[in-house]
Amino acid sequence: MFSDQILNFENLFIPESFALEEIKDVLERVKDKHRLSPEEAKYLLSLNPLEDKEIYYKTIDASTVTKNSLFNSNIFAIAPLYVTSICQEHCVYCNYRAENKDKEIQRVRLSNEELAMEVDFLAKKGLRVIELVYATDPFITINDVSNHIKITIDVLSNHGGGIVGINSRPYSVEDYRKLKDAGLDFVVLWQETYDKTSYKELHAGNKEKTDFYYRLNSPNRMIEAGIENIGLGVLSGLSNWRKDWYMLMSHVSYLLQEYKDKIKTVILGIPRLKPAAGALLKETPFIPDDREYLLAISLFNLFLPTALPFVNTRESWDMCVEIAKGGGTLFTFDCKTIPGGYALGRHGYQFPTYDFDVNKHVEKLNKVNLNPIFDWNFQKLQSKLKLGKDFSLCFNSSP
């Protein structure tokens, strides 16, 4: 288990300086299909984009070139669909926290009929990959989630087919197997932060999410249940972002070594802390600025080029485009973070987002040489990757 290897976050050393020539040498090796190790990335995470401009832009460019060499500027459309905003947790940074009353939030749980309407709305826009998103709703069982997956697949089949994943509370191996049997194709679950001390303060109470290690070891249980496409990530800004991103790379490296060919795709969660009306915590001194944010994502791209950063509409359009350069990302268009926000017209949010109408923004992507693909799945994606011999093991081996 990664929990046996996890470092003391507070004492983790992130260098404040580096040997310039050594870093230049690392970037030269990247050009020759060398993949960054977490230790190499640790040094590059110390870059100050304003002071170390040459190295910063070389890192960003190396990421773009590397992703383009694999994905040829293709990005992959995905739509989040919130199923419930009823939550028992007390996460201080979230609008869904149990104590929040009527601040840009409606507490609602979709019926099966409403869920089908929401899926149909998105499918008619051409979206074929749906991420079902759940709060920690105490009245939604694993059988309910299984049924939601089946409903989503059935509706998508009326539009030529598609795939479904979940973003939800952690489950047991047995429960993940049930969901896979129901047709689940992928699971994403963000650790939020690897800082155990901060994690405890940010997730008050004694509900499910307070269990740091159960959440930390969730990817192991997903993989053991036979789920091949998994997503890990941090909420940048909750703790020291440099340490969090280093730990995230170390966690993924551990999983790739431990499970090898049992992992087909790694999805990278890249949310950044944004203020929500009913949140107690709205800003911290740890939030990376735009340049630092792009640096962290670019370094992960150089650590695992085949990973798919999950571009989300917490960020502006220009930032989403910057992240997607070179291709190889999941890209969100229409985005409502309230159950029933699409077809049913409900208002409110878990966190504020932009809403990029798919019909208006595809042309904008084409103008900047990005090609959004709507009818895709992970098997198609992997079979069409421009994988040379140097990258042929990126899906199932460690750096």
Protein backbone atom coordinates (compact mmCIF):
# COMPACT_ATOMS: atom_id res chain seq x y z
CA MET A 1 0.00 0.00 0.00
CA PHE A 2 1.15 3.53 -0.73
CA SER A 3 0.16 4.37 2.86
CA ASP A 4 3.15 2.29 3.98
CA GLN A 5 5.46 4.41 1.85
CA ILE A 6 3.91 7.84 2.24
CA LEU A 7 6.39 10.46 3.36
CA ASN A 8 5.94 12.84 6.23
CA PHE A 9 4.38 15.67 4.26
CA GLU A 10 5.44 18.37 6.69
CA ASN A 11 9.11 17.33 6.49
CA LEU A 12 9.15 16.67 2.76
CA PHE A 13 12.02 18.59 1.22
CA ILE A 14 11.29 20.63 -1.87
CA PRO A 15 14.50 22.41 -2.89
CA GLU A 16 14.37 26.16 -3.03
CA SER A 17 17.08 26.29 -5.67
CA PHE A 18 18.64 24.03 -8.28
CA ALA A 19 21.64 23.74 -10.50
CA LEU A 20 20.61 25.47 -13.71
CA GLU A 21 22.79 23.32 -15.96
CA GLU A 22 21.43 20.15 -14.37
CA ILE A 23 17.85 21.20 -15.04
CA LYS A 24 18.72 22.10 -18.63
CA ASP A 25 20.21 18.62 -18.98
CA VAL A 26 16.97 17.04 -17.72
CA LEU A 27 14.94 18.97 -20.29
CA GLU A 28 17.32 17.92 -23.06
CA ARG A 29 16.78 14.29 -22.07
CA VAL A 30 13.02 14.86 -22.23
CA LYS A 31 13.44 15.72 -25.92
CA ASP A 32 14.91 12.25 -26.39
CA LYS A 33 11.78 10.62 -24.92
CA HIS A 34 13.13 10.58 -21.38
CA ARG A 35 10.34 10.63 -18.82
CA LEU A 36 10.73 12.68 -15.69
CA SER A 37 10.95 10.77 -12.44
CA PRO A 38 9.16 12.21 -9.40
CA GLU A 39 12.57 13.13 -7.99
CA GLU A 40 13.51 15.08 -11.12
CA ALA A 41 10.10 16.74 -11.13
CA LYS A 42 10.61 17.73 -7.49
CA TYR A 43 13.47 20.01 -8.51
CA LEU A 44 11.56 21.51 -11.41
CA LEU A 45 8.62 22.21 -9.09
CA SER A 46 10.88 24.72 -7.36
CA LEU A 47 11.00 26.89 -10.48
CA ASN A 48 9.92 30.49 -10.12
CA PRO A 49 8.26 31.20 -13.47
CA LEU A 50 8.96 34.93 -13.21
CA GLU A 51 12.62 34.58 -12.26
CA ASP A 52 13.49 31.40 -14.17
CA LYS A 53 11.70 32.33 -17.38
CA GLU A 54 13.95 30.44 -19.78
CA ILE A 55 13.58 27.11 -17.99
CA TYR A 56 9.89 27.71 -17.32
CA TYR A 57 9.03 28.24 -20.98
CA LYS A 58 11.23 25.34 -22.04
CA THR A 59 9.28 23.13 -19.63
CA ILE A 60 5.93 24.31 -20.98
CA ASP A 61 7.11 23.84 -24.57
CA ALA A 62 8.49 20.37 -23.83
CA SER A 63 5.13 19.36 -22.41
CA THR A 64 3.25 20.63 -25.47
CA VAL A 65 5.62 18.89 -27.90
CA THR A 66 5.50 15.63 -25.95
CA LYS A 67 1.69 15.55 -25.76
CA ASN A 68 1.35 16.48 -29.43
CA SER A 69 3.72 13.67 -30.42
CA LEU A 70 1.26 11.21 -28.87
CA PHE A 71 -2.17 12.79 -29.31
CA ASN A 72 -1.75 14.97 -32.40
CA SER A 73 -3.74 17.83 -30.80
CA ASN A 74 -6.77 15.63 -30.17
CA ILE A 75 -8.74 16.31 -26.98
CA PHE A 76 -11.63 14.24 -25.65
CA ALA A 77 -14.99 15.68 -24.69
CA ILE A 78 -16.54 14.71 -21.35
CA ALA A 79 -19.55 15.99 -19.42
CA PRO A 80 -20.06 15.93 -15.64
CA LEU A 81 -23.60 15.08 -14.54
CA TYR A 82 -24.39 15.69 -10.88
CA VAL A 83 -26.77 13.15 -9.38
CA THR A 84 -27.15 14.51 -5.84
CA SER A 85 -26.28 17.63 -3.86
CA ILE A 86 -27.31 16.09 -0.54
CA CYS A 87 -24.12 15.60 1.46
CA GLN A 88 -23.26 14.48 4.97
CA GLU A 89 -19.67 15.78 4.88
CA HIS A 90 -18.23 18.97 6.36
CA CYS A 91 -15.50 19.91 3.86
CA VAL A 92 -14.81 23.55 4.70
CA TYR A 93 -13.99 24.55 1.09
CA CYS A 94 -17.16 23.16 -0.51
CA ASN A 95 -20.59 24.67 -1.14
CA TYR A 96 -22.11 21.20 -0.59
CA ARG A 97 -20.97 20.98 3.05
CA ALA A 98 -23.79 19.77 5.28
CA GLU A 99 -24.11 23.01 7.27
CA ASN A 100 -24.54 25.25 4.23
CA LYS A 101 -28.09 26.57 4.01
CA ASP A 102 -29.43 28.15 0.84
CA LYS A 103 -26.23 29.80 -0.40
CA GLU A 104 -26.25 29.09 -4.14
CA ILE A 105 -27.34 25.53 -3.47
CA GLN A 106 -30.47 23.44 -3.87
CA ARG A 107 -30.50 20.11 -2.06
CA VAL A 108 -31.81 17.66 -4.58
CA ARG A 109 -31.41 14.05 -5.60
CA LEU A 110 -32.29 13.07 -9.18
CA SER A 111 -34.98 10.47 -9.76
CA ASN A 112 -34.26 7.82 -12.36
CA GLU A 113 -36.51 9.65 -14.81
CA GLU A 114 -34.72 12.94 -14.20
CA LEU A 115 -31.34 11.30 -14.64
CA ALA A 116 -32.44 9.89 -18.00
CA MET A 117 -33.59 13.37 -19.07
CA GLU A 118 -30.24 14.89 -18.16
CA VAL A 119 -28.28 12.21 -20.03
CA ASP A 120 -30.54 12.61 -23.06
CA PHE A 121 -29.99 16.40 -23.04
CA LEU A 122 -26.20 15.96 -23.12
CA ALA A 123 -26.30 13.15 -25.68
CA LYS A 124 -28.34 15.31 -28.06
CA LYS A 125 -25.48 17.83 -27.93
CA GLY A 126 -23.14 15.11 -29.15
CA LEU A 127 -21.58 14.30 -25.77
CA ARG A 128 -20.99 10.57 -25.40
CA VAL A 129 -18.81 10.32 -22.28
CA ILE A 130 -20.62 11.03 -19.02
CA GLU A 131 -19.10 11.42 -15.56
CA LEU A 132 -21.73 10.81 -12.88
CA VAL A 133 -20.85 12.98 -9.87
CA TYR A 134 -22.05 12.26 -6.35
CA ALA A 135 -21.93 14.03 -3.02
CA THR A 136 -21.67 11.72 0.00
CA ASP A 137 -25.42 11.19 0.09
CA PRO A 138 -26.29 8.78 2.93
CA PHE A 139 -29.38 7.54 1.10
CA ILE A 140 -27.73 6.52 -2.19
CA THR A 141 -26.67 2.89 -2.06
CA ILE A 142 -24.29 0.95 -4.25
CA ASN A 143 -27.33 -0.61 -5.94
CA ASP A 144 -28.61 2.88 -6.74
CA VAL A 145 -25.30 3.82 -8.36
CA SER A 146 -25.32 0.56 -10.35
CA ASN A 147 -28.79 1.41 -11.58
CA HIS A 148 -27.71 4.95 -12.51
CA ILE A 149 -24.88 3.51 -14.61
CA LYS A 150 -27.29 1.20 -16.43
CA ILE A 151 -29.74 4.04 -17.07
CA THR A 152 -26.97 6.23 -18.47
CA ILE A 153 -25.72 3.46 -20.75
CA ASP A 154 -29.27 2.74 -21.97
CA VAL A 155 -29.92 6.39 -22.86
CA LEU A 156 -26.55 6.73 -24.58
CA SER A 157 -27.31 3.61 -26.60
CA ASN A 158 -30.26 5.49 -28.14
CA HIS A 159 -27.74 7.97 -29.50
CA GLY A 160 -25.19 5.51 -30.85
CA GLY A 161 -23.56 4.50 -27.57
CA GLY A 162 -21.11 5.95 -25.10
CA ILE A 163 -19.32 5.32 -21.82
CA VAL A 164 -19.89 6.26 -18.20
CA GLY A 165 -17.66 6.87 -15.19
CA ILE A 166 -18.16 8.06 -11.64
CA ASN A 167 -16.75 10.63 -9.26
CA SER A 168 -18.02 9.53 -5.85
CA ARG A 169 -17.22 8.41 -2.32
CA PRO A 170 -14.63 5.62 -2.04
CA TYR A 171 -15.96 2.06 -2.20
CA SER A 172 -14.82 -1.44 -1.27
CA VAL A 173 -13.38 -3.87 -3.81
CA GLU A 174 -16.67 -5.77 -3.83
CA ASP A 175 -18.67 -2.61 -4.50
CA TYR A 176 -16.36 -1.51 -7.29
CA ARG A 177 -16.83 -4.94 -8.87
CA LYS A 178 -20.61 -4.44 -8.77
CA LEU A 179 -20.25 -1.12 -10.54
CA LYS A 180 -17.93 -2.60 -13.16
CA ASP A 181 -20.43 -5.39 -13.78
CA ALA A 182 -23.10 -2.71 -14.26
CA GLY A 183 -21.03 -1.23 -17.11
CA LEU A 184 -18.78 1.29 -15.34
CA ASP A 185 -15.82 2.25 -17.52
CA PHE A 186 -13.78 4.62 -15.34
CA VAL A 187 -13.51 6.03 -11.83
CA VAL A 188 -12.01 9.33 -10.72
CA LEU A 189 -11.36 10.19 -7.08
CA TRP A 190 -9.24 13.13 -5.98
CA GLN A 191 -7.20 12.81 -2.79
CA GLU A 192 -7.66 16.59 -2.24
CA THR A 193 -4.32 16.87 -0.36
CA TYR A 194 -1.60 14.48 0.76
CA ASP A 195 -0.99 16.58 3.87
CA LYS A 196 -2.52 14.44 6.63
CA THR A 197 -2.61 17.28 9.13
CA SER A 198 -4.33 19.70 6.76
CA TYR A 199 -6.62 16.95 5.49
CA LYS A 200 -7.96 16.40 9.01
CA GLU A 201 -8.58 20.12 9.53
CA LEU A 202 -10.27 20.52 6.15
CA HIS A 203 -12.59 17.52 6.58
CA ALA A 204 -14.14 17.96 9.99
CA GLY A 205 -16.48 15.59 11.82
CA ASN A 206 -16.51 11.81 11.80
CA LYS A 207 -18.12 10.90 8.48
CA GLU A 208 -16.62 8.84 5.65
CA LYS A 209 -14.36 11.47 4.14
CA THR A 210 -12.47 11.99 7.37
CA ASP A 211 -10.71 8.65 6.78
CA PHE A 212 -7.54 9.82 5.02
CA TYR A 213 -6.10 6.36 4.43
CA TYR A 214 -9.29 4.76 3.13
CA ARG A 215 -9.42 7.47 0.49
CA LEU A 216 -5.68 7.21 -0.20
CA ASN A 217 -5.90 3.48 -0.90
CA SER A 218 -9.03 3.69 -3.06
CA PRO A 219 -7.10 3.31 -6.37
CA ASN A 220 -5.77 -0.03 -5.12
CA ARG A 221 -9.32 -1.25 -4.58
CA MET A 222 -10.45 0.02 -7.99
CA ILE A 223 -7.65 -1.84 -9.72
CA GLU A 224 -8.20 -5.01 -7.70
CA ALA A 225 -11.85 -4.87 -8.80
CA GLY A 226 -10.74 -4.88 -12.44
CA ILE A 227 -11.26 -1.20 -13.23
CA GLU A 228 -8.54 -0.26 -15.73
CA ASN A 229 -9.14 3.46 -16.19
CA ILE A 230 -8.60 5.43 -12.99
CA GLY A 231 -8.25 9.07 -12.01
CA LEU A 232 -6.15 10.61 -9.24
CA GLY A 233 -5.63 14.25 -8.37
CA VAL A 234 -5.29 16.99 -5.80
CA LEU A 235 -7.20 20.19 -5.15
CA SER A 236 -4.37 22.64 -5.62
CA GLY A 237 -4.41 25.29 -2.93
CA LEU A 238 -5.45 23.27 0.11
CA SER A 239 -1.82 22.71 1.15
CA ASN A 240 1.65 23.35 -0.23
CA TRP A 241 0.94 22.73 -3.91
CA ARG A 242 4.52 21.74 -4.76
CA LYS A 243 4.52 18.99 -2.15
CA ASP A 244 1.04 17.83 -3.18
CA TRP A 245 2.04 17.49 -6.84
CA TYR A 246 5.24 15.65 -5.95
CA MET A 247 3.26 13.24 -3.76
CA LEU A 248 0.70 12.78 -6.53
CA MET A 249 3.43 11.75 -8.99
CA SER A 250 4.92 9.43 -6.38
CA HIS A 251 1.50 7.87 -5.78
CA VAL A 252 0.93 7.24 -9.49
CA SER A 253 4.47 5.89 -9.84
CA TYR A 254 3.79 3.43 -7.01
CA LEU A 255 0.55 2.23 -8.63
CA LEU A 256 2.20 1.74 -12.02
CA GLN A 257 4.96 -0.32 -10.45
CA GLU A 258 2.60 -2.31 -8.23
CA TYR A 259 -0.07 -3.12 -10.82
CA LYS A 260 1.77 -2.81 -14.16
CA ASP A 261 -0.54 -3.85 -17.02
CA LYS A 262 -3.69 -3.76 -14.87
CA ILE A 263 -3.82 0.01 -15.42
CA LYS A 264 -4.72 1.10 -18.93
CA THR A 265 -5.33 4.83 -18.45
CA VAL A 266 -4.44 7.39 -15.79
CA ILE A 267 -6.72 10.44 -15.60
CA LEU A 268 -5.20 13.45 -13.87
CA GLY A 269 -7.44 15.60 -11.67
CA ILE A 270 -6.33 19.25 -11.76
CA PRO A 271 -8.93 21.32 -9.85
CA ARG A 272 -7.71 24.55 -8.26
CA LEU A 273 -9.32 26.00 -5.14
CA LYS A 274 -11.99 28.54 -6.08
CA PRO A 275 -14.26 30.42 -3.65
CA ALA A 276 -17.82 29.14 -3.22
CA ALA A 277 -20.60 31.15 -1.57
CA GLY A 278 -21.29 28.74 1.27
CA ALA A 279 -17.72 27.63 1.90
CA LEU A 280 -15.90 28.51 5.11
CA LEU A 281 -12.51 28.40 3.38
CA LYS A 282 -12.35 30.51 0.23
CA GLU A 283 -8.67 31.29 -0.19
CA THR A 284 -5.31 30.17 1.18
CA PRO A 285 -1.66 31.20 0.71
CA PHE A 286 -1.07 27.89 -1.11
CA ILE A 287 -3.03 28.50 -4.32
CA PRO A 288 -0.66 28.33 -7.32
CA ASP A 289 -0.89 31.28 -9.68
CA ASP A 290 -1.58 30.67 -13.37
CA ARG A 291 2.07 30.13 -14.29
CA GLU A 292 2.71 27.81 -11.35
CA TYR A 293 -0.46 25.90 -12.15
CA LEU A 294 0.62 25.35 -15.76
CA LEU A 295 4.08 24.34 -14.55
CA ALA A 296 2.67 21.59 -12.31
CA ILE A 297 0.47 20.18 -15.09
CA SER A 298 3.33 20.33 -17.60
CA LEU A 299 5.65 18.46 -15.26
CA PHE A 300 3.07 15.72 -14.80
CA ASN A 301 2.77 15.51 -18.60
CA LEU A 302 6.52 14.95 -18.77
CA PHE A 303 6.32 12.41 -15.96
CA LEU A 304 3.49 10.41 -17.60
CA PRO A 305 2.81 11.64 -21.15
CA THR A 306 -0.15 9.31 -21.72
CA ALA A 307 -2.05 10.62 -18.69
CA LEU A 308 -5.18 12.63 -19.44
CA PRO A 309 -5.46 15.89 -17.49
CA PHE A 310 -9.15 16.55 -16.77
CA VAL A 311 -9.64 20.14 -17.95
CA ASN A 312 -12.47 21.64 -15.91
CA THR A 313 -14.54 24.78 -16.19
CA ARG A 314 -13.50 26.17 -12.83
CA GLU A 315 -10.88 27.75 -15.09
CA SER A 316 -11.38 30.40 -17.76
CA TRP A 317 -11.57 29.51 -21.43
CA ASP A 318 -8.06 30.80 -22.09
CA MET A 319 -6.64 28.71 -19.25
CA CYS A 320 -8.47 25.60 -20.46
CA VAL A 321 -6.96 26.09 -23.91
CA GLU A 322 -3.48 26.55 -22.44
CA ILE A 323 -3.80 23.29 -20.51
CA ALA A 324 -5.04 21.44 -23.59
CA LYS A 325 -2.20 22.50 -25.90
CA GLY A 326 -0.72 19.50 -27.67
CA GLY A 327 -3.79 17.40 -26.97
CA GLY A 328 -4.24 14.45 -24.68
CA THR A 329 -6.71 15.93 -22.22
CA LEU A 330 -10.29 15.37 -21.21
CA PHE A 331 -12.13 18.60 -22.02
CA THR A 332 -15.31 19.87 -20.41
CA PHE A 333 -17.79 21.95 -22.38
CA ASP A 334 -21.26 22.28 -20.89
CA CYS A 335 -20.93 22.12 -17.12
CA LYS A 336 -23.55 22.41 -14.40
CA THR A 337 -22.58 21.44 -10.85
CA ILE A 338 -26.13 21.05 -9.57
CA PRO A 339 -28.38 18.00 -10.17
CA GLY A 340 -30.85 18.89 -12.89
CA GLY A 341 -28.79 21.82 -14.14
CA TYR A 342 -29.08 20.80 -17.79
CA ALA A 343 -32.52 19.68 -18.97
CA LEU A 344 -34.35 20.60 -15.76
CA GLY A 345 -32.97 24.13 -15.47
CA ARG A 346 -32.09 24.01 -11.78
CA HIS A 347 -29.75 26.64 -10.37
CA GLY A 348 -26.89 26.52 -7.88
CA TYR A 349 -23.45 25.00 -7.74
CA GLN A 350 -20.91 22.97 -5.83
CA PHE A 351 -18.35 25.51 -6.98
CA PRO A 352 -18.73 28.32 -9.55
CA THR A 353 -17.88 27.37 -13.13
CA TYR A 354 -17.82 28.76 -16.62
CA ASP A 355 -20.19 27.12 -19.07
CA PHE A 356 -18.78 26.61 -22.57
CA ASP A 357 -21.68 25.70 -24.83
CA VAL A 358 -20.43 22.93 -27.07
CA ASN A 359 -22.10 24.35 -30.19
CA LYS A 360 -20.30 27.69 -29.79
CA HIS A 361 -16.85 26.61 -28.69
CA VAL A 362 -15.79 23.77 -31.00
CA GLU A 363 -14.86 26.25 -33.71
CA LYS A 364 -12.80 28.24 -31.20
CA LEU A 365 -10.79 25.11 -30.45
CA ASN A 366 -10.24 24.37 -34.12
CA LYS A 367 -8.84 27.88 -34.60
CA VAL A 368 -6.09 27.15 -32.07
CA ASN A 369 -5.31 23.75 -33.63
CA LEU A 370 -7.16 21.62 -31.09
CA ASN A 371 -9.44 18.87 -32.34
CA PRO A 372 -12.23 17.83 -29.93
CA ILE A 373 -13.40 14.22 -30.29
CA PHE A 374 -16.85 13.34 -28.97
CA ASP A 375 -17.40 9.70 -29.92
CA TRP A 376 -14.53 8.03 -28.11
CA ASN A 377 -13.72 5.42 -25.50
CA PHE A 378 -10.51 4.39 -23.79
CA GLN A 379 -9.91 1.41 -26.04
CA LYS A 380 -10.20 3.55 -29.18
CA LEU A 381 -8.01 6.21 -27.62
CA GLN A 382 -5.21 3.83 -26.80
CA SER A 383 -5.32 2.04 -30.15
CA LYS A 384 -4.94 5.32 -32.05
CA LEU A 385 -2.17 6.82 -29.96
CA LYS A 386 0.96 7.66 -31.91
CA LEU A 387 3.08 5.50 -29.64
CA GLY A 388 6.66 5.00 -30.65
CA LYS A 389 8.86 2.38 -29.03
CA ASP A 390 10.08 4.84 -26.40
CA PHE A 391 6.56 5.53 -25.20
CA SER A 392 4.99 2.12 -25.86
CA LEU A 393 5.00 1.18 -22.17
CA CYS A 394 3.69 4.46 -20.82
CA PHE A 395 0.30 2.96 -20.08
CA ASN A 396 1.58 0.03 -18.08
CA SER A 397 4.98 0.77 -16.67
CA SER A 398 6.56 3.15 -14.25
CA PRO A 399 9.02 5.91 -15.08
